[in-house]
Amino acid sequence: MSRSGAVTFTGNPLTLAGEAIETGQPAPAFTLHYFQDGLHTITLDDLKGKPTLLSVVPSLDTGVCQIQTKRFNEVLGSMGDQINAVTVSLDLPFAMNRFCGAENIESMRVASDYQDRNFGENWGMLIEELKLLARGVFVLASDGTVVHAETVTEVTDEPNYDAALDALKGQLG
């Protein structure tokens, strides 16, 4: 299934592969890749047990994606190991790791959907025309239930940070 015109990029309508994620539904499965002393994977099951924020960006090589990642990193640092926080993109894990080192991103993990785009397709975030992920934020309860879902309709706009952070804080007992 595809959703034509689901998002725009500088005003031009684009198509998202898959179905939109709704609050209250179980989070769809995924396998992402990250680099830390070698290539590793992270799955939905790896994140269960703690509330999770998934910050989805098209590319860490763009200004808005950098702002989004830095902003969440800054705010989430105070929550420590009570939560999982992951930035997801289609950037290569090596480039993501380099960005985090250069920008002191320590409160968020970065993980890539580059191998088979299963996150993008399962979560309704893959822009078919660009083969990049749309911008969005998802918050999961510790059992993997989606408690907040935002797909930013204009890819060049920032997400609603306050709504995502309020949903995440609401999961912290």
N, C-alpha and C. Protein backbone atom coordinates (compact mmCIF):
# COMPACT_ATOMS: atom_id res chain seq x y z
N MET A 1 0.84 -1.19 0.00
CA MET A 1 0.00 0.00 0.00
C MET A 1 0.88 1.25 0.00
N SER A 2 0.46 2.26 -0.69
CA SER A 2 1.15 3.54 -0.73
C SER A 2 0.16 4.65 -0.40
N ARG A 3 0.69 5.73 0.16
CA ARG A 3 -0.13 6.89 0.49
C ARG A 3 0.36 8.08 -0.32
N SER A 4 -0.27 8.34 -1.43
CA SER A 4 0.12 9.42 -2.33
C SER A 4 -0.18 10.77 -1.68
N GLY A 5 0.78 11.69 -1.78
CA GLY A 5 0.60 13.03 -1.23
C GLY A 5 0.62 13.09 0.28
N ALA A 6 1.10 12.02 0.94
CA ALA A 6 1.11 11.96 2.40
C ALA A 6 2.04 13.00 3.02
N VAL A 7 3.12 13.32 2.32
CA VAL A 7 4.05 14.35 2.77
C VAL A 7 4.44 15.20 1.56
N THR A 8 5.04 16.36 1.88
CA THR A 8 5.58 17.20 0.82
C THR A 8 7.04 17.49 1.13
N PHE A 9 7.78 17.77 0.10
CA PHE A 9 9.17 18.21 0.23
C PHE A 9 9.27 19.51 -0.54
N THR A 10 9.49 20.60 0.19
CA THR A 10 9.44 21.97 -0.34
C THR A 10 8.17 22.20 -1.16
N GLY A 11 7.07 21.70 -0.63
CA GLY A 11 5.76 21.90 -1.24
C GLY A 11 5.36 20.88 -2.29
N ASN A 12 6.27 20.04 -2.73
CA ASN A 12 5.95 19.03 -3.76
C ASN A 12 5.44 17.75 -3.11
N PRO A 13 4.24 17.28 -3.49
CA PRO A 13 3.66 16.08 -2.89
C PRO A 13 4.48 14.83 -3.20
N LEU A 14 4.63 13.98 -2.17
CA LEU A 14 5.37 12.73 -2.30
C LEU A 14 4.56 11.58 -1.72
N THR A 15 4.97 10.37 -2.07
CA THR A 15 4.25 9.15 -1.68
C THR A 15 5.02 8.40 -0.60
N LEU A 16 4.30 7.99 0.44
CA LEU A 16 4.90 7.15 1.47
C LEU A 16 4.48 5.71 1.25
N ALA A 17 5.46 4.80 1.31
CA ALA A 17 5.18 3.37 1.22
C ALA A 17 4.63 2.90 2.56
N GLY A 18 3.72 1.96 2.53
CA GLY A 18 3.20 1.38 3.77
C GLY A 18 2.05 2.17 4.36
N GLU A 19 1.62 1.69 5.53
CA GLU A 19 0.48 2.31 6.21
C GLU A 19 0.96 3.18 7.36
N ALA A 20 0.19 4.20 7.66
CA ALA A 20 0.52 5.11 8.76
C ALA A 20 0.42 4.37 10.08
N ILE A 21 1.32 4.70 10.99
CA ILE A 21 1.31 4.14 12.34
C ILE A 21 0.35 4.97 13.19
N GLU A 22 -0.46 4.27 13.96
CA GLU A 22 -1.45 4.93 14.81
C GLU A 22 -1.13 4.69 16.28
N THR A 23 -1.47 5.64 17.14
CA THR A 23 -1.28 5.41 18.56
C THR A 23 -2.20 4.27 19.00
N GLY A 24 -1.72 3.51 19.97
CA GLY A 24 -2.47 2.38 20.50
C GLY A 24 -2.13 1.06 19.83
N GLN A 25 -1.50 1.09 18.68
CA GLN A 25 -1.17 -0.16 18.00
C GLN A 25 0.20 -0.67 18.45
N PRO A 26 0.42 -1.98 18.33
CA PRO A 26 1.76 -2.50 18.61
C PRO A 26 2.75 -1.97 17.57
N ALA A 27 3.94 -1.63 18.00
CA ALA A 27 4.96 -1.14 17.07
C ALA A 27 5.34 -2.25 16.10
N PRO A 28 5.45 -1.93 14.81
CA PRO A 28 5.89 -2.92 13.83
C PRO A 28 7.35 -3.32 14.04
N ALA A 29 7.67 -4.53 13.66
CA ALA A 29 9.04 -5.04 13.79
C ALA A 29 9.98 -4.29 12.85
N PHE A 30 11.25 -4.29 13.20
CA PHE A 30 12.29 -3.73 12.34
C PHE A 30 13.65 -4.28 12.76
N THR A 31 14.59 -4.18 11.85
CA THR A 31 16.00 -4.46 12.13
C THR A 31 16.79 -3.30 11.55
N LEU A 32 17.50 -2.60 12.42
CA LEU A 32 18.33 -1.47 12.02
C LEU A 32 19.79 -1.81 12.30
N HIS A 33 20.69 -1.02 11.72
CA HIS A 33 22.12 -1.29 11.86
C HIS A 33 22.83 -0.06 12.41
N TYR A 34 23.79 -0.30 13.30
CA TYR A 34 24.58 0.80 13.84
C TYR A 34 26.04 0.36 13.93
N PHE A 35 26.92 1.36 14.03
CA PHE A 35 28.35 1.10 14.11
C PHE A 35 28.86 1.51 15.47
N GLN A 36 29.45 0.55 16.17
CA GLN A 36 30.12 0.81 17.44
C GLN A 36 31.13 -0.31 17.60
N ASP A 37 32.37 -0.04 17.26
CA ASP A 37 33.40 -1.10 17.24
C ASP A 37 32.96 -2.26 16.37
N GLY A 38 32.41 -1.95 15.22
CA GLY A 38 31.91 -2.95 14.28
C GLY A 38 30.43 -2.72 14.01
N LEU A 39 29.90 -3.41 13.01
CA LEU A 39 28.48 -3.29 12.69
C LEU A 39 27.65 -4.20 13.58
N HIS A 40 26.53 -3.66 14.06
CA HIS A 40 25.62 -4.41 14.93
C HIS A 40 24.18 -4.12 14.50
N THR A 41 23.25 -4.91 15.00
CA THR A 41 21.83 -4.68 14.71
C THR A 41 21.09 -4.30 15.99
N ILE A 42 19.97 -3.62 15.78
CA ILE A 42 19.05 -3.31 16.86
C ILE A 42 17.65 -3.60 16.32
N THR A 43 16.85 -4.26 17.14
CA THR A 43 15.49 -4.62 16.75
C THR A 43 14.50 -4.04 17.75
N LEU A 44 13.23 -4.14 17.41
CA LEU A 44 12.19 -3.71 18.33
C LEU A 44 12.32 -4.43 19.67
N ASP A 45 12.59 -5.74 19.64
CA ASP A 45 12.72 -6.50 20.89
C ASP A 45 13.84 -5.97 21.78
N ASP A 46 14.91 -5.46 21.17
CA ASP A 46 16.02 -4.90 21.95
C ASP A 46 15.60 -3.66 22.74
N LEU A 47 14.55 -2.99 22.30
CA LEU A 47 14.11 -1.74 22.94
C LEU A 47 13.02 -1.96 23.98
N LYS A 48 12.37 -3.10 23.96
CA LYS A 48 11.29 -3.35 24.92
C LYS A 48 11.85 -3.38 26.34
N GLY A 49 11.03 -2.97 27.28
CA GLY A 49 11.44 -2.93 28.68
C GLY A 49 11.66 -1.50 29.18
N LYS A 50 11.79 -0.56 28.25
CA LYS A 50 11.92 0.86 28.60
C LYS A 50 11.10 1.67 27.61
N PRO A 51 10.59 2.82 28.02
CA PRO A 51 9.97 3.73 27.04
C PRO A 51 11.02 4.12 25.99
N THR A 52 10.56 4.30 24.76
CA THR A 52 11.48 4.56 23.65
C THR A 52 11.00 5.73 22.82
N LEU A 53 11.94 6.59 22.44
CA LEU A 53 11.68 7.65 21.47
C LEU A 53 12.45 7.30 20.20
N LEU A 54 11.72 7.22 19.09
CA LEU A 54 12.33 7.01 17.78
C LEU A 54 12.19 8.30 16.99
N SER A 55 13.31 8.94 16.73
CA SER A 55 13.35 10.18 15.96
C SER A 55 13.78 9.81 14.55
N VAL A 56 12.89 10.00 13.58
CA VAL A 56 13.14 9.57 12.21
C VAL A 56 13.48 10.80 11.36
N VAL A 57 14.61 10.70 10.64
CA VAL A 57 15.08 11.83 9.83
C VAL A 57 15.49 11.34 8.44
N PRO A 58 15.38 12.21 7.42
CA PRO A 58 15.84 11.82 6.09
C PRO A 58 17.35 11.62 6.01
N SER A 59 18.15 12.56 6.57
CA SER A 59 19.61 12.43 6.51
C SER A 59 20.27 13.37 7.50
N LEU A 60 21.21 12.85 8.26
CA LEU A 60 21.95 13.67 9.22
C LEU A 60 22.88 14.67 8.54
N ASP A 61 22.96 14.61 7.21
CA ASP A 61 23.75 15.58 6.45
C ASP A 61 22.95 16.83 6.10
N THR A 62 21.77 16.99 6.66
CA THR A 62 20.95 18.17 6.38
C THR A 62 20.69 18.94 7.67
N GLY A 63 20.50 20.24 7.53
CA GLY A 63 20.36 21.12 8.68
C GLY A 63 19.22 20.78 9.62
N VAL A 64 18.02 20.55 9.09
CA VAL A 64 16.86 20.29 9.95
C VAL A 64 17.04 18.97 10.69
N CYS A 65 17.60 17.97 10.03
CA CYS A 65 17.84 16.68 10.68
C CYS A 65 18.86 16.82 11.80
N GLN A 66 19.86 17.65 11.58
CA GLN A 66 20.86 17.90 12.63
C GLN A 66 20.22 18.61 13.81
N ILE A 67 19.39 19.61 13.53
CA ILE A 67 18.70 20.34 14.61
C ILE A 67 17.84 19.38 15.42
N GLN A 68 17.07 18.54 14.74
CA GLN A 68 16.19 17.59 15.42
C GLN A 68 16.99 16.64 16.32
N THR A 69 18.07 16.11 15.79
CA THR A 69 18.88 15.16 16.56
C THR A 69 19.55 15.85 17.75
N LYS A 70 20.08 17.02 17.55
CA LYS A 70 20.73 17.75 18.63
C LYS A 70 19.73 18.14 19.71
N ARG A 71 18.55 18.58 19.29
CA ARG A 71 17.53 19.00 20.28
C ARG A 71 17.10 17.84 21.16
N PHE A 72 16.79 16.70 20.54
CA PHE A 72 16.40 15.54 21.35
C PHE A 72 17.56 15.08 22.22
N ASN A 73 18.77 15.07 21.70
CA ASN A 73 19.94 14.66 22.47
C ASN A 73 20.09 15.53 23.73
N GLU A 74 19.92 16.83 23.55
CA GLU A 74 20.07 17.76 24.66
C GLU A 74 19.02 17.53 25.75
N VAL A 75 17.77 17.38 25.35
CA VAL A 75 16.68 17.23 26.30
C VAL A 75 16.67 15.85 26.96
N LEU A 76 17.00 14.83 26.19
CA LEU A 76 16.89 13.46 26.71
C LEU A 76 18.05 13.07 27.62
N GLY A 77 19.11 13.85 27.62
CA GLY A 77 20.25 13.55 28.48
C GLY A 77 19.86 13.45 29.94
N SER A 78 18.91 14.24 30.38
CA SER A 78 18.49 14.23 31.78
C SER A 78 17.72 12.98 32.17
N MET A 79 17.24 12.23 31.18
CA MET A 79 16.48 11.00 31.47
C MET A 79 17.38 9.78 31.60
N GLY A 80 18.65 9.94 31.22
CA GLY A 80 19.62 8.87 31.40
C GLY A 80 19.17 7.54 30.83
N ASP A 81 19.42 6.47 31.61
CA ASP A 81 19.12 5.13 31.12
C ASP A 81 17.70 4.67 31.43
N GLN A 82 16.82 5.62 31.79
CA GLN A 82 15.40 5.28 32.00
C GLN A 82 14.69 5.02 30.67
N ILE A 83 15.29 5.49 29.57
CA ILE A 83 14.65 5.42 28.26
C ILE A 83 15.62 4.91 27.21
N ASN A 84 15.05 4.54 26.07
CA ASN A 84 15.81 4.33 24.85
C ASN A 84 15.52 5.52 23.94
N ALA A 85 16.54 6.03 23.28
CA ALA A 85 16.36 7.11 22.32
C ALA A 85 17.20 6.78 21.09
N VAL A 86 16.53 6.69 19.94
CA VAL A 86 17.21 6.27 18.71
C VAL A 86 16.82 7.21 17.57
N THR A 87 17.83 7.71 16.87
CA THR A 87 17.60 8.42 15.62
C THR A 87 17.72 7.40 14.50
N VAL A 88 16.73 7.39 13.61
CA VAL A 88 16.69 6.44 12.50
C VAL A 88 16.76 7.21 11.19
N SER A 89 17.64 6.77 10.29
CA SER A 89 17.71 7.34 8.94
C SER A 89 18.23 6.27 7.99
N LEU A 90 18.38 6.65 6.74
CA LEU A 90 18.97 5.76 5.76
C LEU A 90 20.44 6.08 5.53
N ASP A 91 21.01 6.98 6.32
CA ASP A 91 22.44 7.25 6.25
C ASP A 91 23.21 5.97 6.59
N LEU A 92 24.41 5.84 6.08
CA LEU A 92 25.23 4.69 6.43
C LEU A 92 25.63 4.77 7.91
N PRO A 93 25.71 3.64 8.59
CA PRO A 93 26.07 3.65 10.01
C PRO A 93 27.39 4.37 10.30
N PHE A 94 28.35 4.28 9.39
CA PHE A 94 29.65 4.93 9.59
C PHE A 94 29.49 6.45 9.61
N ALA A 95 28.70 6.98 8.68
CA ALA A 95 28.47 8.42 8.61
C ALA A 95 27.70 8.89 9.85
N MET A 96 26.73 8.10 10.28
CA MET A 96 25.95 8.45 11.46
C MET A 96 26.87 8.53 12.69
N ASN A 97 27.74 7.55 12.82
CA ASN A 97 28.67 7.49 13.93
C ASN A 97 29.62 8.70 13.91
N ARG A 98 30.09 9.05 12.74
CA ARG A 98 30.98 10.20 12.58
C ARG A 98 30.27 11.49 13.00
N PHE A 99 29.00 11.66 12.57
CA PHE A 99 28.21 12.83 12.96
C PHE A 99 28.08 12.91 14.48
N CYS A 100 27.76 11.80 15.11
CA CYS A 100 27.57 11.81 16.57
C CYS A 100 28.85 12.19 17.29
N GLY A 101 29.97 11.70 16.81
CA GLY A 101 31.25 12.06 17.42
C GLY A 101 31.56 13.54 17.26
N ALA A 102 31.33 14.06 16.08
CA ALA A 102 31.63 15.46 15.80
C ALA A 102 30.70 16.41 16.56
N GLU A 103 29.47 15.99 16.80
CA GLU A 103 28.46 16.86 17.42
C GLU A 103 28.17 16.50 18.89
N ASN A 104 28.96 15.60 19.47
CA ASN A 104 28.79 15.19 20.87
C ASN A 104 27.39 14.66 21.16
N ILE A 105 26.87 13.85 20.27
CA ILE A 105 25.56 13.21 20.48
C ILE A 105 25.79 11.99 21.35
N GLU A 106 25.39 12.07 22.61
CA GLU A 106 25.65 10.98 23.55
C GLU A 106 24.39 10.40 24.16
N SER A 107 23.27 11.11 24.07
CA SER A 107 22.04 10.64 24.70
C SER A 107 21.16 9.86 23.74
N MET A 108 21.55 9.81 22.47
CA MET A 108 20.77 9.10 21.46
C MET A 108 21.66 8.11 20.73
N ARG A 109 21.11 6.96 20.45
CA ARG A 109 21.78 6.04 19.55
C ARG A 109 21.33 6.40 18.13
N VAL A 110 22.13 6.05 17.17
CA VAL A 110 21.76 6.26 15.77
C VAL A 110 21.77 4.91 15.09
N ALA A 111 20.75 4.67 14.27
CA ALA A 111 20.64 3.38 13.61
C ALA A 111 20.13 3.58 12.19
N SER A 112 20.62 2.77 11.29
CA SER A 112 20.35 2.93 9.87
C SER A 112 19.44 1.84 9.32
N ASP A 113 18.57 2.25 8.43
CA ASP A 113 17.65 1.35 7.73
C ASP A 113 18.16 1.08 6.31
N TYR A 114 19.48 1.25 6.10
CA TYR A 114 20.03 1.22 4.74
C TYR A 114 19.96 -0.13 4.06
N GLN A 115 19.97 -1.23 4.81
CA GLN A 115 20.10 -2.53 4.15
C GLN A 115 18.86 -2.94 3.37
N ASP A 116 17.70 -2.90 4.00
CA ASP A 116 16.50 -3.35 3.27
C ASP A 116 15.29 -2.45 3.45
N ARG A 117 15.48 -1.33 4.12
CA ARG A 117 14.41 -0.33 4.31
C ARG A 117 13.16 -0.92 4.99
N ASN A 118 13.36 -1.94 5.84
CA ASN A 118 12.20 -2.55 6.50
C ASN A 118 11.55 -1.63 7.50
N PHE A 119 12.32 -0.76 8.15
CA PHE A 119 11.71 0.21 9.05
C PHE A 119 10.82 1.15 8.25
N GLY A 120 11.38 1.73 7.20
CA GLY A 120 10.63 2.69 6.39
C GLY A 120 9.34 2.11 5.84
N GLU A 121 9.38 0.88 5.38
CA GLU A 121 8.18 0.26 4.82
C GLU A 121 7.20 -0.16 5.91
N ASN A 122 7.69 -0.78 7.00
CA ASN A 122 6.80 -1.25 8.07
C ASN A 122 6.17 -0.11 8.86
N TRP A 123 6.86 1.02 8.91
CA TRP A 123 6.38 2.15 9.70
C TRP A 123 5.74 3.23 8.83
N GLY A 124 5.60 2.98 7.53
CA GLY A 124 4.96 3.94 6.63
C GLY A 124 5.73 5.22 6.47
N MET A 125 7.07 5.14 6.51
CA MET A 125 7.91 6.35 6.50
C MET A 125 8.84 6.43 5.29
N LEU A 126 8.82 5.47 4.39
CA LEU A 126 9.72 5.49 3.23
C LEU A 126 9.11 6.33 2.11
N ILE A 127 9.80 7.39 1.73
CA ILE A 127 9.36 8.24 0.62
C ILE A 127 9.74 7.53 -0.67
N GLU A 128 8.74 7.07 -1.41
CA GLU A 128 9.00 6.25 -2.59
C GLU A 128 9.84 6.98 -3.63
N GLU A 129 9.54 8.23 -3.89
CA GLU A 129 10.24 8.98 -4.94
C GLU A 129 11.70 9.26 -4.60
N LEU A 130 12.01 9.47 -3.34
CA LEU A 130 13.37 9.85 -2.93
C LEU A 130 14.18 8.70 -2.34
N LYS A 131 13.50 7.63 -1.97
CA LYS A 131 14.15 6.50 -1.27
C LYS A 131 14.86 6.97 -0.01
N LEU A 132 14.23 7.93 0.67
CA LEU A 132 14.66 8.43 1.97
C LEU A 132 13.51 8.27 2.94
N LEU A 133 13.80 8.36 4.23
CA LEU A 133 12.74 8.34 5.22
C LEU A 133 12.14 9.72 5.38
N ALA A 134 10.85 9.76 5.64
CA ALA A 134 10.18 11.01 5.98
C ALA A 134 10.59 11.40 7.40
N ARG A 135 10.28 12.60 7.80
CA ARG A 135 10.59 13.06 9.14
C ARG A 135 9.42 12.71 10.07
N GLY A 136 9.76 12.22 11.25
CA GLY A 136 8.72 11.90 12.21
C GLY A 136 9.29 11.55 13.57
N VAL A 137 8.39 11.35 14.52
CA VAL A 137 8.77 10.95 15.87
C VAL A 137 7.73 9.96 16.38
N PHE A 138 8.22 8.89 16.97
CA PHE A 138 7.35 7.89 17.58
C PHE A 138 7.81 7.66 19.01
N VAL A 139 6.85 7.49 19.90
CA VAL A 139 7.16 7.14 21.28
C VAL A 139 6.46 5.81 21.56
N LEU A 140 7.23 4.90 22.15
CA LEU A 140 6.71 3.57 22.47
C LEU A 140 6.71 3.37 23.98
N ALA A 141 5.66 2.72 24.47
CA ALA A 141 5.64 2.29 25.86
C ALA A 141 6.65 1.15 26.01
N SER A 142 6.95 0.78 27.22
CA SER A 142 7.96 -0.26 27.45
C SER A 142 7.57 -1.61 26.86
N ASP A 143 6.27 -1.82 26.62
CA ASP A 143 5.84 -3.09 26.01
C ASP A 143 5.81 -3.02 24.48
N GLY A 144 6.19 -1.87 23.90
CA GLY A 144 6.22 -1.74 22.45
C GLY A 144 4.96 -1.17 21.83
N THR A 145 4.02 -0.71 22.66
CA THR A 145 2.82 -0.08 22.14
C THR A 145 3.14 1.37 21.75
N VAL A 146 2.63 1.79 20.60
CA VAL A 146 2.84 3.17 20.15
C VAL A 146 1.95 4.10 20.96
N VAL A 147 2.56 5.07 21.65
CA VAL A 147 1.79 6.03 22.45
C VAL A 147 1.82 7.43 21.84
N HIS A 148 2.69 7.63 20.86
CA HIS A 148 2.76 8.91 20.13
C HIS A 148 3.28 8.61 18.74
N ALA A 149 2.61 9.19 17.74
CA ALA A 149 3.04 9.00 16.35
C ALA A 149 2.86 10.30 15.61
N GLU A 150 3.96 10.79 15.05
CA GLU A 150 3.90 12.00 14.23
C GLU A 150 4.72 11.80 12.97
N THR A 151 4.07 11.97 11.84
CA THR A 151 4.76 12.08 10.56
C THR A 151 4.64 13.54 10.17
N VAL A 152 5.76 14.22 10.07
CA VAL A 152 5.77 15.65 9.74
C VAL A 152 5.36 15.79 8.27
N THR A 153 4.30 16.53 8.01
CA THR A 153 3.75 16.58 6.65
C THR A 153 4.65 17.31 5.66
N GLU A 154 5.38 18.31 6.08
CA GLU A 154 6.38 18.97 5.21
C GLU A 154 7.75 18.52 5.70
N VAL A 155 8.44 17.76 4.89
CA VAL A 155 9.69 17.12 5.30
C VAL A 155 10.73 18.13 5.80
N THR A 156 10.68 19.37 5.32
CA THR A 156 11.68 20.36 5.74
C THR A 156 11.32 21.05 7.07
N ASP A 157 10.17 20.71 7.65
CA ASP A 157 9.76 21.28 8.94
C ASP A 157 10.24 20.40 10.08
N GLU A 158 10.36 20.99 11.27
CA GLU A 158 10.73 20.25 12.47
C GLU A 158 9.49 19.59 13.07
N PRO A 159 9.69 18.53 13.85
CA PRO A 159 8.55 17.87 14.50
C PRO A 159 8.06 18.68 15.70
N ASN A 160 6.97 18.22 16.29
CA ASN A 160 6.44 18.81 17.51
C ASN A 160 7.18 18.19 18.69
N TYR A 161 8.29 18.81 19.07
CA TYR A 161 9.13 18.28 20.15
C TYR A 161 8.35 18.12 21.44
N ASP A 162 7.58 19.14 21.80
CA ASP A 162 6.88 19.11 23.09
C ASP A 162 5.90 17.94 23.17
N ALA A 163 5.15 17.67 22.12
CA ALA A 163 4.19 16.57 22.14
C ALA A 163 4.91 15.23 22.32
N ALA A 164 6.02 15.04 21.62
CA ALA A 164 6.78 13.79 21.73
C ALA A 164 7.37 13.64 23.14
N LEU A 165 7.95 14.73 23.65
CA LEU A 165 8.58 14.66 24.97
C LEU A 165 7.54 14.47 26.07
N ASP A 166 6.38 15.10 25.93
CA ASP A 166 5.31 14.89 26.91
C ASP A 166 4.85 13.43 26.91
N ALA A 167 4.73 12.85 25.72
CA ALA A 167 4.33 11.43 25.63
C ALA A 167 5.39 10.54 26.27
N LEU A 168 6.66 10.85 26.05
CA LEU A 168 7.74 10.05 26.63
C LEU A 168 7.75 10.19 28.14
N LYS A 169 7.64 11.41 28.64
CA LYS A 169 7.63 11.64 30.09
C LYS A 169 6.43 10.96 30.74
N GLY A 170 5.33 10.88 30.01
CA GLY A 170 4.15 10.20 30.53
C GLY A 170 4.34 8.71 30.73
N GLN A 171 5.38 8.15 30.14
CA GLN A 171 5.68 6.73 30.29
C GLN A 171 6.63 6.44 31.44
N LEU A 172 7.10 7.47 32.10
CA LEU A 172 8.10 7.31 33.16
C LEU A 172 7.48 7.26 34.55
N GLY A 173 6.45 6.47 34.70
CA GLY A 173 5.86 6.23 36.01
C GLY A 173 5.38 7.45 36.65
